[in-house]
N, C-alpha and C. Protein backbone atom coordinates (compact mmCIF):
# COMPACT_ATOMS: atom_id res chain seq x y z
N MET A 1 3.35 3.87 -28.26
CA MET A 1 3.38 4.48 -26.84
C MET A 1 3.52 3.13 -25.98
N SER A 2 4.02 3.22 -25.04
CA SER A 2 4.04 2.11 -23.99
C SER A 2 2.50 1.79 -23.36
N ARG A 3 2.34 0.66 -23.09
CA ARG A 3 1.06 0.74 -22.38
C ARG A 3 0.51 1.24 -21.02
N PHE A 4 2.11 1.09 -20.35
CA PHE A 4 1.99 1.65 -19.06
C PHE A 4 2.92 2.89 -19.03
N THR A 5 2.39 3.69 -17.90
CA THR A 5 3.36 4.91 -17.51
C THR A 5 3.47 4.82 -16.04
N LEU A 6 4.74 4.84 -15.66
CA LEU A 6 4.73 5.13 -14.30
C LEU A 6 5.24 6.37 -13.92
N TYR A 7 4.24 6.99 -12.76
CA TYR A 7 4.68 8.22 -12.05
C TYR A 7 5.70 7.88 -10.97
N GLY A 8 6.87 8.45 -11.13
CA GLY A 8 7.65 7.99 -9.87
C GLY A 8 8.42 8.91 -9.13
N TYR A 9 9.68 8.57 -8.22
CA TYR A 9 10.68 9.61 -7.97
C TYR A 9 11.71 8.47 -7.69
N TRP A 10 12.92 9.13 -7.83
CA TRP A 10 13.77 8.21 -7.97
C TRP A 10 14.35 7.50 -6.78
N ARG A 11 14.26 8.43 -5.58
CA ARG A 11 14.23 7.66 -4.36
C ARG A 11 13.48 7.00 -3.58
N SER A 12 12.24 7.11 -4.00
CA SER A 12 10.79 6.58 -3.49
C SER A 12 10.91 5.14 -3.38
N SER A 13 10.81 5.04 -2.17
CA SER A 13 10.89 2.95 -2.13
C SER A 13 9.55 2.78 -2.55
N CYS A 14 8.78 3.29 -2.62
CA CYS A 14 7.04 2.73 -3.22
C CYS A 14 7.23 2.59 -4.67
N SER A 15 7.88 3.60 -5.37
CA SER A 15 7.99 3.61 -6.66
C SER A 15 9.11 2.73 -6.93
N TRP A 16 9.81 2.35 -6.45
CA TRP A 16 11.29 1.31 -6.47
C TRP A 16 10.46 -0.16 -6.47
N ARG A 17 9.91 -0.36 -5.76
CA ARG A 17 8.97 -1.79 -5.69
C ARG A 17 8.38 -2.00 -6.93
N VAL A 18 7.69 -0.86 -7.49
CA VAL A 18 6.85 -1.31 -8.77
C VAL A 18 7.74 -1.11 -9.73
N ARG A 19 9.00 -0.62 -10.21
CA ARG A 19 9.92 -0.41 -10.91
C ARG A 19 10.52 -2.10 -10.84
N ILE A 20 11.13 -2.50 -9.68
CA ILE A 20 11.45 -4.14 -9.74
C ILE A 20 10.36 -4.95 -10.55
N ALA A 21 9.23 -4.76 -10.29
CA ALA A 21 8.55 -5.85 -10.54
C ALA A 21 8.25 -5.47 -12.25
N LEU A 22 8.14 -4.20 -12.59
CA LEU A 22 8.11 -4.19 -14.48
C LEU A 22 9.17 -4.63 -14.77
N HIS A 23 10.43 -4.88 -14.22
CA HIS A 23 11.74 -5.15 -15.05
C HIS A 23 11.74 -6.80 -14.75
N LEU A 24 11.16 -7.04 -13.55
CA LEU A 24 11.07 -8.52 -13.42
C LEU A 24 10.45 -9.14 -14.58
N LYS A 25 9.29 -8.53 -14.75
CA LYS A 25 8.16 -9.29 -15.41
C LYS A 25 8.43 -9.01 -17.08
N GLY A 26 9.36 -8.21 -17.26
CA GLY A 26 9.79 -7.67 -18.61
C GLY A 26 8.60 -7.23 -19.35
N ILE A 27 8.13 -6.05 -18.67
CA ILE A 27 7.00 -4.91 -19.17
C ILE A 27 7.58 -3.69 -19.43
N ASP A 28 7.24 -3.37 -20.53
CA ASP A 28 7.66 -2.03 -21.21
C ASP A 28 6.90 -0.87 -20.70
N PHE A 29 7.47 0.06 -20.04
CA PHE A 29 7.03 0.92 -19.43
C PHE A 29 7.32 2.43 -19.53
N GLU A 30 6.87 3.56 -19.51
CA GLU A 30 7.29 4.87 -19.63
C GLU A 30 7.87 5.13 -18.08
N ASN A 31 8.67 5.97 -18.12
CA ASN A 31 8.80 6.09 -16.62
C ASN A 31 9.27 7.74 -16.51
N LEU A 32 8.36 8.48 -15.62
CA LEU A 32 8.23 9.79 -15.55
C LEU A 32 8.32 10.30 -14.14
N SER A 33 9.16 11.15 -14.10
CA SER A 33 9.41 11.73 -12.86
C SER A 33 8.66 12.49 -12.13
N VAL A 34 8.35 12.60 -11.17
CA VAL A 34 7.79 13.53 -10.03
C VAL A 34 8.42 13.92 -8.97
N HIS A 35 9.04 15.04 -9.02
CA HIS A 35 10.20 15.50 -8.24
C HIS A 35 9.35 15.84 -6.72
N LEU A 36 9.80 15.05 -5.79
CA LEU A 36 9.12 15.18 -4.47
C LEU A 36 9.42 16.52 -3.75
N VAL A 37 10.48 17.12 -4.26
CA VAL A 37 11.34 18.50 -3.48
C VAL A 37 11.12 19.56 -4.26
N LYS A 38 11.41 19.71 -5.63
CA LYS A 38 11.53 20.69 -6.53
C LYS A 38 10.05 21.53 -6.82
N ASP A 39 9.97 22.80 -6.94
CA ASP A 39 8.86 23.43 -7.18
C ASP A 39 7.93 23.45 -6.06
N GLY A 40 8.40 23.01 -4.87
CA GLY A 40 7.54 23.00 -3.90
C GLY A 40 7.04 21.47 -3.39
N GLY A 41 7.56 20.91 -4.70
CA GLY A 41 6.94 19.27 -4.73
C GLY A 41 6.05 18.98 -5.73
N GLN A 42 6.65 18.30 -6.71
CA GLN A 42 5.48 18.40 -8.15
C GLN A 42 4.48 17.42 -7.49
N GLN A 43 4.43 16.42 -6.58
CA GLN A 43 3.20 15.61 -6.44
C GLN A 43 2.37 16.69 -6.08
N HIS A 44 2.18 17.78 -5.78
CA HIS A 44 1.10 18.68 -5.09
C HIS A 44 0.63 19.39 -6.45
N LYS A 45 1.20 19.45 -7.23
CA LYS A 45 0.46 20.24 -8.99
C LYS A 45 -0.59 19.65 -9.28
N ALA A 46 -1.49 20.75 -9.56
CA ALA A 46 -2.61 20.22 -10.10
C ALA A 46 -3.10 19.28 -10.94
N ASP A 47 -2.10 19.00 -12.30
CA ASP A 47 -2.20 17.98 -13.19
C ASP A 47 -1.51 16.72 -12.27
N TYR A 48 -0.46 16.52 -11.51
CA TYR A 48 -0.74 15.01 -11.06
C TYR A 48 -1.79 14.94 -9.89
N LEU A 49 -2.40 15.48 -9.19
CA LEU A 49 -3.58 15.55 -8.16
C LEU A 49 -4.59 15.19 -9.12
N ALA A 50 -4.74 15.32 -10.08
CA ALA A 50 -5.95 14.62 -11.04
C ALA A 50 -5.53 13.39 -10.95
N LEU A 51 -4.52 12.59 -11.41
CA LEU A 51 -4.02 11.66 -11.32
C LEU A 51 -4.02 10.91 -10.06
N ASN A 52 -3.86 11.51 -9.27
CA ASN A 52 -3.13 10.81 -7.44
C ASN A 52 -3.47 12.03 -6.53
N PRO A 53 -4.98 11.91 -5.97
CA PRO A 53 -5.21 13.08 -5.10
C PRO A 53 -4.73 13.10 -3.70
N MET A 54 -3.98 12.03 -3.36
CA MET A 54 -3.45 12.16 -2.42
C MET A 54 -2.04 12.86 -2.74
N GLY A 55 -1.63 13.28 -3.70
CA GLY A 55 -0.20 13.78 -4.07
C GLY A 55 0.83 12.94 -3.59
N GLN A 56 0.84 11.45 -3.61
CA GLN A 56 2.26 10.73 -3.43
C GLN A 56 2.56 9.81 -4.81
N VAL A 57 3.79 9.24 -4.50
CA VAL A 57 4.31 8.40 -5.88
C VAL A 57 4.24 6.88 -5.22
N PRO A 58 4.02 5.93 -6.13
CA PRO A 58 3.79 6.02 -7.74
C PRO A 58 2.39 5.83 -7.76
N CYS A 59 2.42 6.22 -9.08
CA CYS A 59 1.05 6.19 -9.89
C CYS A 59 1.28 5.72 -11.09
N LEU A 60 0.73 4.60 -11.55
CA LEU A 60 0.55 3.59 -12.65
C LEU A 60 -0.77 4.01 -13.52
N VAL A 61 -0.39 4.23 -14.84
CA VAL A 61 -1.23 4.45 -15.69
C VAL A 61 -1.55 3.35 -16.84
N ASP A 62 -2.47 2.51 -16.80
CA ASP A 62 -2.57 1.62 -17.82
C ASP A 62 -3.15 1.83 -18.68
N HIS A 63 -2.59 2.54 -19.90
CA HIS A 63 -3.57 3.10 -21.05
C HIS A 63 -4.24 2.53 -21.98
N GLN A 64 -4.23 1.14 -21.70
CA GLN A 64 -4.85 -0.03 -22.90
C GLN A 64 -6.40 -0.29 -21.72
N ALA A 65 -5.89 -0.28 -20.73
CA ALA A 65 -7.59 -0.45 -19.49
C ALA A 65 -7.86 1.04 -19.57
N GLY A 66 -7.06 1.95 -19.44
CA GLY A 66 -7.84 3.38 -19.17
C GLY A 66 -7.95 3.33 -17.76
N LEU A 67 -7.00 3.29 -16.83
CA LEU A 67 -7.29 3.29 -15.73
C LEU A 67 -6.02 3.92 -14.90
N SER A 68 -5.85 4.58 -13.85
CA SER A 68 -4.65 4.53 -13.36
C SER A 68 -4.67 4.25 -11.81
N LEU A 69 -3.70 3.44 -11.04
CA LEU A 69 -3.72 3.31 -9.61
C LEU A 69 -2.54 3.80 -9.15
N THR A 70 -2.52 3.81 -7.78
CA THR A 70 -2.01 4.95 -6.62
C THR A 70 -1.48 4.58 -5.59
N GLN A 71 -1.65 2.86 -5.20
CA GLN A 71 -0.87 2.52 -3.87
C GLN A 71 -0.14 1.42 -4.38
N SER A 72 1.07 1.49 -4.24
CA SER A 72 2.23 0.51 -4.48
C SER A 72 1.51 -1.02 -4.45
N ALA A 73 1.07 -1.30 -3.26
CA ALA A 73 0.80 -2.84 -3.27
C ALA A 73 -0.36 -3.01 -4.32
N ILE A 74 -1.51 -1.94 -4.33
CA ILE A 74 -2.56 -2.24 -5.57
C ILE A 74 -1.83 -2.40 -6.79
N ILE A 75 -1.01 -1.61 -7.09
CA ILE A 75 -0.25 -1.66 -8.16
C ILE A 75 0.36 -3.21 -8.72
N LEU A 76 1.17 -3.44 -7.55
CA LEU A 76 2.07 -4.69 -7.32
C LEU A 76 1.18 -5.93 -7.89
N ASP A 77 -0.49 -5.75 -7.23
CA ASP A 77 -1.10 -6.97 -7.34
C ASP A 77 -1.79 -7.07 -8.79
N TYR A 78 -1.77 -5.68 -9.05
CA TYR A 78 -2.44 -5.75 -10.72
C TYR A 78 -1.33 -6.44 -11.61
N LEU A 79 -0.19 -5.72 -11.33
CA LEU A 79 0.81 -6.14 -12.47
C LEU A 79 0.96 -7.97 -12.25
N GLU A 80 0.74 -8.16 -10.65
CA GLU A 80 0.53 -9.76 -10.79
C GLU A 80 -0.28 -10.46 -11.74
N GLU A 81 -1.63 -9.65 -11.68
CA GLU A 81 -2.84 -10.01 -12.69
C GLU A 81 -2.39 -10.04 -13.78
N GLN A 82 -1.96 -9.20 -14.40
CA GLN A 82 -1.87 -8.71 -15.82
C GLN A 82 -0.96 -9.56 -16.35
N VAL A 83 0.46 -9.82 -15.70
CA VAL A 83 1.43 -10.49 -16.25
C VAL A 83 1.77 -11.70 -15.06
N PRO A 84 1.25 -12.76 -15.11
CA PRO A 84 1.44 -13.69 -13.77
C PRO A 84 2.79 -14.22 -13.99
N GLU A 85 3.72 -14.29 -14.82
CA GLU A 85 5.09 -15.04 -14.79
C GLU A 85 6.01 -13.66 -14.73
N PRO A 86 7.13 -13.73 -14.26
CA PRO A 86 7.06 -14.81 -13.20
C PRO A 86 6.70 -14.34 -12.00
N ALA A 87 6.28 -15.31 -11.26
CA ALA A 87 4.77 -15.23 -10.24
C ALA A 87 5.84 -14.64 -9.12
N LEU A 88 5.34 -13.93 -8.40
CA LEU A 88 5.76 -12.95 -7.19
C LEU A 88 5.29 -13.81 -5.86
N TYR A 89 4.09 -14.13 -6.14
CA TYR A 89 3.30 -15.16 -5.03
C TYR A 89 3.38 -16.66 -5.43
N PRO A 90 4.22 -17.11 -5.23
CA PRO A 90 4.76 -18.31 -6.06
C PRO A 90 3.99 -19.85 -5.15
N GLY A 91 4.10 -19.41 -4.25
CA GLY A 91 3.86 -20.99 -3.04
C GLY A 91 2.16 -21.28 -3.22
N ASP A 92 1.95 -22.11 -2.26
CA ASP A 92 0.36 -22.29 -1.91
C ASP A 92 0.02 -21.10 -1.24
N ALA A 93 -1.43 -21.23 -0.54
CA ALA A 93 -2.03 -20.08 0.25
C ALA A 93 -1.48 -19.55 1.22
N GLY A 94 -1.17 -20.45 2.06
CA GLY A 94 -0.46 -20.15 3.09
C GLY A 94 0.72 -19.61 3.12
N HIS A 95 1.65 -20.36 2.19
CA HIS A 95 2.98 -19.69 2.16
C HIS A 95 2.99 -18.16 1.41
N ASN A 96 1.88 -18.14 0.43
CA ASN A 96 1.58 -16.58 0.26
C ASN A 96 1.00 -15.60 1.19
N ARG A 97 0.30 -15.96 2.16
CA ARG A 97 -0.16 -15.30 3.23
C ARG A 97 0.97 -14.72 3.86
N ARG A 98 2.04 -15.86 4.34
CA ARG A 98 3.16 -14.95 4.75
C ARG A 98 4.08 -14.17 4.25
N ILE A 99 3.94 -14.26 2.97
CA ILE A 99 4.73 -13.17 2.10
C ILE A 99 3.86 -12.16 2.19
N ARG A 100 2.79 -11.91 2.15
CA ARG A 100 1.82 -10.54 2.35
C ARG A 100 2.03 -10.16 3.79
N GLU A 101 2.22 -10.97 4.74
CA GLU A 101 2.69 -10.30 6.04
C GLU A 101 3.65 -9.51 6.09
N PHE A 102 4.36 -9.87 5.33
CA PHE A 102 5.78 -9.67 5.04
C PHE A 102 6.00 -8.08 4.89
N CYS A 103 5.09 -8.07 3.62
CA CYS A 103 5.02 -6.95 3.03
C CYS A 103 4.42 -5.72 3.69
N THR A 104 3.38 -6.52 4.13
CA THR A 104 2.57 -5.62 5.25
C THR A 104 3.12 -4.73 6.28
N LEU A 105 4.21 -5.58 7.09
CA LEU A 105 5.01 -5.20 7.70
C LEU A 105 6.27 -3.93 7.09
N ILE A 106 6.40 -4.28 6.23
CA ILE A 106 7.31 -3.19 5.40
C ILE A 106 6.58 -1.86 4.92
N ASN A 107 5.00 -2.30 4.37
CA ASN A 107 4.66 -1.17 3.67
C ASN A 107 4.01 -0.31 4.87
N THR A 108 3.55 -0.92 6.14
CA THR A 108 2.57 0.18 7.00
C THR A 108 3.49 0.01 8.23
N GLY A 109 4.44 -0.58 8.67
CA GLY A 109 5.05 -0.98 9.98
C GLY A 109 6.44 0.23 9.69
N ILE A 110 6.78 0.11 8.95
CA ILE A 110 8.06 1.00 8.48
C ILE A 110 8.00 2.18 7.90
N GLN A 111 8.01 1.89 6.18
CA GLN A 111 7.99 3.10 5.41
C GLN A 111 6.93 4.22 5.68
N PRO A 112 5.79 4.45 6.33
CA PRO A 112 5.55 5.60 6.53
C PRO A 112 5.74 6.44 7.55
N LEU A 113 6.46 5.77 8.39
CA LEU A 113 6.83 6.45 9.41
C LEU A 113 8.23 7.30 9.15
N GLN A 114 9.01 7.01 8.22
CA GLN A 114 10.02 7.45 7.70
C GLN A 114 10.27 8.29 6.22
N ASN A 115 8.78 8.60 6.05
CA ASN A 115 9.12 8.86 4.50
C ASN A 115 9.20 10.32 4.45
N LEU A 116 9.18 11.25 3.44
CA LEU A 116 9.51 12.50 3.09
C LEU A 116 8.62 13.07 4.05
N ALA A 117 7.00 13.04 3.86
CA ALA A 117 6.19 14.28 4.38
C ALA A 117 6.27 13.87 5.79
N VAL A 118 6.61 12.84 6.54
CA VAL A 118 6.62 12.87 8.03
C VAL A 118 7.72 13.56 8.28
N LEU A 119 8.90 13.36 7.76
CA LEU A 119 9.96 14.12 8.10
C LEU A 119 10.08 15.52 8.12
N GLN A 120 9.27 16.07 6.96
CA GLN A 120 9.07 17.45 7.01
C GLN A 120 7.82 17.81 7.98
N GLN A 121 6.82 17.24 8.34
CA GLN A 121 6.34 17.49 9.49
C GLN A 121 7.07 17.52 10.64
N ILE A 122 7.93 16.48 11.28
CA ILE A 122 8.67 16.81 12.47
C ILE A 122 9.66 17.72 12.43
N GLU A 123 9.90 18.27 10.95
CA GLU A 123 10.88 19.47 11.18
C GLU A 123 10.01 20.75 11.22
N GLY A 124 8.76 20.89 10.35
CA GLY A 124 8.14 22.05 10.37
C GLY A 124 7.45 22.23 11.60
N ARG A 125 6.89 21.03 12.55
CA ARG A 125 6.08 21.34 13.28
C ARG A 125 6.95 21.22 14.79
N PHE A 126 7.97 20.68 14.81
CA PHE A 126 8.85 20.47 16.05
C PHE A 126 10.04 21.19 16.12
N GLY A 127 10.85 21.26 15.03
CA GLY A 127 11.87 22.07 14.71
C GLY A 127 13.22 20.88 14.63
N ALA A 128 12.96 19.60 14.20
CA ALA A 128 13.91 18.59 14.46
C ALA A 128 14.65 19.24 13.15
N ASP A 129 15.96 18.63 13.56
CA ASP A 129 17.22 19.15 12.28
C ASP A 129 17.67 18.12 11.81
N ALA A 130 18.41 17.93 10.81
CA ALA A 130 18.50 16.80 10.12
C ALA A 130 19.24 15.47 10.84
N PRO A 131 20.28 15.71 12.06
CA PRO A 131 20.38 14.50 12.75
C PRO A 131 19.35 13.90 13.51
N ALA A 132 18.27 14.92 14.08
CA ALA A 132 17.09 14.42 14.80
C ALA A 132 15.99 13.91 13.86
N LYS A 133 15.94 14.10 12.55
CA LYS A 133 15.03 13.37 11.54
C LYS A 133 15.97 12.27 11.66
N ALA A 134 16.88 12.05 11.14
CA ALA A 134 17.79 10.64 10.95
C ALA A 134 17.50 9.67 11.61
N ALA A 135 17.81 10.05 13.03
CA ALA A 135 17.35 9.62 14.32
C ALA A 135 15.88 8.75 14.46
N TRP A 136 15.12 9.59 14.01
CA TRP A 136 13.90 9.17 14.19
C TRP A 136 13.40 8.09 13.10
N ALA A 137 14.05 8.31 11.80
CA ALA A 137 13.76 7.41 10.77
C ALA A 137 14.45 6.25 11.09
N ALA A 138 15.66 6.34 11.55
CA ALA A 138 16.53 4.93 12.02
C ALA A 138 15.88 4.24 12.98
N HIS A 139 15.26 4.64 14.16
CA HIS A 139 14.49 4.36 14.98
C HIS A 139 13.24 3.34 14.56
N PHE A 140 12.43 3.85 13.83
CA PHE A 140 11.07 3.20 13.26
C PHE A 140 11.87 2.01 12.25
N ILE A 141 12.82 2.24 11.05
CA ILE A 141 13.58 1.32 10.50
C ILE A 141 14.17 -0.11 11.29
N ALA A 142 14.85 0.19 12.12
CA ALA A 142 15.54 -0.67 13.00
C ALA A 142 14.38 -1.22 14.10
N ARG A 143 13.56 -1.19 14.52
CA ARG A 143 12.07 -1.59 15.19
C ARG A 143 11.53 -2.95 14.19
N GLY A 144 11.49 -2.20 12.66
CA GLY A 144 10.77 -2.86 11.90
C GLY A 144 11.75 -4.42 11.35
N PHE A 145 12.76 -3.99 11.32
CA PHE A 145 13.87 -4.75 10.94
C PHE A 145 14.05 -6.07 12.02
N THR A 146 13.86 -5.63 13.21
CA THR A 146 14.26 -6.53 14.28
C THR A 146 12.91 -7.65 13.78
N ALA A 147 11.69 -7.53 13.81
CA ALA A 147 10.65 -8.10 13.60
C ALA A 147 11.08 -8.85 12.30
N ALA A 148 11.40 -8.12 11.09
CA ALA A 148 11.96 -8.67 9.95
C ALA A 148 12.52 -9.81 10.05
N GLU A 149 13.54 -9.62 10.81
CA GLU A 149 14.78 -10.43 10.85
C GLU A 149 14.36 -11.99 11.44
N THR A 150 13.60 -11.58 12.36
CA THR A 150 12.85 -12.68 13.23
C THR A 150 12.05 -13.50 12.39
N MET A 151 11.41 -12.82 11.26
CA MET A 151 10.38 -13.54 10.59
C MET A 151 11.13 -14.41 9.34
N LEU A 152 12.13 -14.06 9.13
CA LEU A 152 12.85 -14.63 7.87
C LEU A 152 13.87 -15.56 8.25
N LYS A 153 14.34 -15.59 9.40
CA LYS A 153 16.06 -16.04 9.75
C LYS A 153 15.73 -17.69 9.58
N ASP A 154 14.17 -18.06 9.83
CA ASP A 154 14.33 -19.99 9.47
C ASP A 154 13.87 -20.15 8.12
N VAL A 155 13.51 -19.11 7.35
CA VAL A 155 12.57 -19.04 5.83
C VAL A 155 13.43 -18.59 4.85
N GLY A 156 14.50 -17.78 5.28
CA GLY A 156 15.13 -16.84 4.09
C GLY A 156 16.42 -17.94 3.38
N GLY A 157 16.34 -17.80 2.27
CA GLY A 157 17.28 -18.30 1.48
C GLY A 157 18.12 -17.44 1.18
N ASP A 158 18.50 -17.59 -0.40
CA ASP A 158 19.33 -16.11 -1.33
C ASP A 158 18.18 -14.86 -0.95
N PHE A 159 16.74 -15.33 -1.13
CA PHE A 159 15.98 -14.46 -1.03
C PHE A 159 15.06 -14.35 0.35
N CYS A 160 14.02 -13.68 0.63
CA CYS A 160 13.29 -13.47 1.77
C CYS A 160 12.36 -14.97 2.11
N PHE A 161 11.94 -15.58 1.00
CA PHE A 161 11.41 -16.56 1.18
C PHE A 161 11.80 -17.92 0.29
N GLY A 162 12.93 -18.55 0.69
CA GLY A 162 13.65 -19.57 -0.01
C GLY A 162 14.86 -18.81 -1.04
N ASP A 163 14.73 -19.82 -2.16
CA ASP A 163 15.67 -19.38 -3.40
C ASP A 163 15.20 -19.05 -4.67
N ARG A 164 14.09 -18.21 -4.60
CA ARG A 164 13.39 -17.46 -5.55
C ARG A 164 12.82 -16.00 -5.21
N VAL A 165 12.91 -15.25 -6.16
CA VAL A 165 12.65 -13.55 -5.83
C VAL A 165 10.63 -14.26 -5.39
N THR A 166 10.33 -13.13 -4.27
CA THR A 166 8.78 -13.31 -3.99
C THR A 166 8.63 -11.61 -3.97
N MET A 167 7.48 -11.22 -4.06
CA MET A 167 6.99 -10.10 -3.63
C MET A 167 8.06 -9.52 -2.37
N ALA A 168 8.08 -10.33 -1.28
CA ALA A 168 8.57 -9.67 -0.20
C ALA A 168 9.93 -9.08 -0.56
N ASP A 169 10.58 -9.58 -1.47
CA ASP A 169 12.17 -8.95 -2.05
C ASP A 169 12.01 -7.57 -2.40
N LEU A 170 10.89 -7.48 -3.32
CA LEU A 170 10.29 -6.24 -3.42
C LEU A 170 10.11 -5.12 -2.73
N PHE A 171 9.36 -5.28 -1.39
CA PHE A 171 9.40 -4.38 -0.37
C PHE A 171 10.73 -4.37 0.45
N LEU A 172 11.28 -5.39 0.88
CA LEU A 172 12.58 -5.35 1.70
C LEU A 172 13.64 -4.29 0.72
N ILE A 173 14.28 -4.60 -0.45
CA ILE A 173 15.69 -4.06 -0.96
C ILE A 173 15.30 -2.43 -0.96
N PRO A 174 14.29 -1.98 -1.35
CA PRO A 174 14.26 -0.64 -1.22
C PRO A 174 14.46 -0.19 0.47
N GLN A 175 13.54 -0.55 1.02
CA GLN A 175 13.66 -0.56 2.83
C GLN A 175 15.17 -0.41 3.29
N ILE A 176 15.93 -1.43 2.65
CA ILE A 176 17.28 -1.59 3.19
C ILE A 176 17.81 -0.53 2.68
N PHE A 177 17.79 0.29 1.86
CA PHE A 177 18.47 1.57 0.90
C PHE A 177 18.27 2.78 1.96
N GLY A 178 17.11 2.57 2.30
CA GLY A 178 16.79 3.69 3.67
C GLY A 178 17.28 3.69 4.60
N ALA A 179 17.58 2.33 5.41
CA ALA A 179 18.42 1.91 6.36
C ALA A 179 19.57 2.50 6.27
N HIS A 180 20.24 2.18 5.20
CA HIS A 180 21.75 2.93 4.91
C HIS A 180 21.62 4.45 4.87
N ARG A 181 20.64 4.83 4.15
CA ARG A 181 20.70 5.98 3.94
C ARG A 181 20.44 7.07 5.63
N PHE A 182 20.04 6.37 6.57
CA PHE A 182 19.49 7.01 7.95
C PHE A 182 20.30 6.27 8.80
N GLY A 183 21.44 5.66 8.56
CA GLY A 183 22.65 5.18 9.31
C GLY A 183 22.26 4.05 10.28
N VAL A 184 21.36 3.29 10.01
CA VAL A 184 21.03 1.67 10.67
C VAL A 184 22.08 0.81 10.62
N ASP A 185 22.53 0.36 11.58
CA ASP A 185 23.78 -0.63 11.40
C ASP A 185 23.21 -1.92 11.15
N MET A 186 23.32 -2.19 9.99
CA MET A 186 22.92 -3.54 9.43
C MET A 186 23.55 -4.66 9.71
N THR A 187 24.90 -4.50 10.65
CA THR A 187 25.18 -5.83 11.13
C THR A 187 24.19 -6.76 12.18
N ALA A 188 23.12 -5.87 12.43
CA ALA A 188 22.25 -6.44 13.74
C ALA A 188 21.02 -7.41 12.73
N PHE A 189 21.28 -7.02 11.44
CA PHE A 189 20.32 -8.12 10.56
C PHE A 189 20.82 -8.76 9.69
N PRO A 190 21.69 -10.12 9.58
CA PRO A 190 22.57 -10.72 8.97
C PRO A 190 21.44 -11.06 7.70
N THR A 191 20.52 -11.62 7.96
CA THR A 191 19.56 -12.39 7.19
C THR A 191 19.03 -10.98 5.97
N LEU A 192 18.77 -10.19 6.48
CA LEU A 192 18.57 -9.03 5.39
C LEU A 192 19.59 -8.60 4.87
N ALA A 193 20.87 -8.47 5.42
CA ALA A 193 21.78 -8.26 4.44
C ALA A 193 22.20 -9.31 3.56
N ARG A 194 22.14 -10.46 3.88
CA ARG A 194 22.58 -11.22 2.98
C ARG A 194 21.53 -11.45 1.44
N ILE A 195 20.24 -11.29 2.34
CA ILE A 195 19.33 -11.14 1.03
C ILE A 195 19.67 -10.03 -0.18
N ASP A 196 19.74 -8.74 0.33
CA ASP A 196 19.93 -7.57 -0.42
C ASP A 196 21.39 -7.69 -0.87
N ALA A 197 22.30 -8.63 -0.38
CA ALA A 197 23.65 -8.96 -1.44
C ALA A 197 23.20 -9.86 -2.68
N HIS A 198 22.18 -10.79 -2.39
CA HIS A 198 21.74 -11.68 -3.53
C HIS A 198 20.66 -10.66 -4.47
N CYS A 199 19.92 -9.91 -4.14
CA CYS A 199 19.00 -9.26 -4.88
C CYS A 199 19.93 -8.48 -5.84
N GLY A 200 21.46 -7.85 -5.24
CA GLY A 200 21.94 -7.03 -6.00
C GLY A 200 22.50 -7.26 -7.13
N ASP A 201 22.54 -8.84 -7.23
CA ASP A 201 23.19 -9.46 -8.50
C ASP A 201 22.37 -9.51 -9.32
N LEU A 202 20.76 -9.26 -9.57
CA LEU A 202 20.05 -9.59 -10.48
C LEU A 202 19.44 -8.36 -11.24
N ASP A 203 19.80 -8.52 -12.35
CA ASP A 203 19.51 -7.47 -13.52
C ASP A 203 18.18 -6.59 -13.16
N ALA A 204 17.08 -6.97 -12.62
CA ALA A 204 15.90 -6.32 -12.79
C ALA A 204 16.11 -5.24 -11.24
N PHE A 205 16.72 -5.98 -10.39
CA PHE A 205 16.98 -5.02 -9.23
C PHE A 205 18.02 -4.10 -9.62
N VAL A 206 19.03 -4.19 -10.20
CA VAL A 206 19.85 -3.41 -10.65
C VAL A 206 19.39 -1.94 -11.78
N LYS A 207 18.30 -2.65 -12.66
CA LYS A 207 17.82 -1.35 -13.25
C LYS A 207 17.06 -0.50 -12.55
N ALA A 208 16.16 -1.56 -11.54
CA ALA A 208 15.33 -0.37 -10.73
C ALA A 208 15.95 0.30 -9.69
N ALA A 209 16.90 0.28 -9.49
CA ALA A 209 17.99 0.91 -8.28
C ALA A 209 17.61 2.52 -8.39
N PRO A 210 17.90 3.39 -7.31
CA PRO A 210 17.67 4.66 -7.58
C PRO A 210 18.42 5.58 -8.69
N GLY A 211 20.00 5.33 -8.59
CA GLY A 211 21.09 5.41 -9.17
C GLY A 211 20.85 5.01 -10.97
N ALA A 212 19.89 4.56 -10.97
CA ALA A 212 19.96 3.82 -12.35
C ALA A 212 18.92 4.83 -13.21
N GLN A 213 18.17 5.32 -12.58
CA GLN A 213 16.89 6.18 -12.93
C GLN A 213 17.32 7.88 -13.53
N PRO A 214 16.32 8.32 -14.50
CA PRO A 214 16.68 9.12 -15.19
C PRO A 214 16.90 10.64 -14.45
N ASP A 215 15.83 10.55 -13.13
CA ASP A 215 15.88 11.79 -12.38
C ASP A 215 16.97 11.59 -11.25
N ALA A 216 18.04 10.88 -11.09
CA ALA A 216 18.63 10.24 -10.15
C ALA A 216 19.78 11.81 -9.60
N GLN A 217 19.68 11.78 -8.65
CA GLN A 217 20.57 12.94 -8.05
C GLN A 217 21.88 12.38 -7.21
N SER A 218 22.94 13.22 -7.23
CA SER A 218 24.11 12.55 -6.38
C SER A 218 23.86 12.98 -4.86
């Protein structure tokens, strides 16, 4: 049995971040699907709520340590501690603070506002149809990407912070997938689009992509 089990969903950006880290670090893991729509949302089932009381994905179980972790940013920091190389915070303290700032922008300023639970709420409470939900999501993604483009335009190379992958890239790439999904015009964000293209050439990102997951749907 693998030391790690990841409970996730193929299109979840938070699950995707963790998959990228696992592949980058060469960590063997069991990949189990928690379908967020099927059966009323498998994340709401009692056996999964025992692992993650918030009923969200991802959840990472470390069988060797006997613990489970349920927030992607915490999971990623834990993996960085357990398997330090390749380092995803590779600079000095000041450099790494900027990386964390960028990750937090994605993690708190964009992703929660356009995730499935929020879109379900605005449909159920306010009658938003599919175009209205897409417009809602696109608004918040574009607003966040405007800030992200400004943050990276003078420091970005092939990747978010120079010419090696950092934690920032793990947060950005899944969110760009969301941008395409909701119809955001990426020509307004050339730095982000360039980074997305470079990451798309890396094996770890290819293996972690939604379409490569066993629960992927067309």
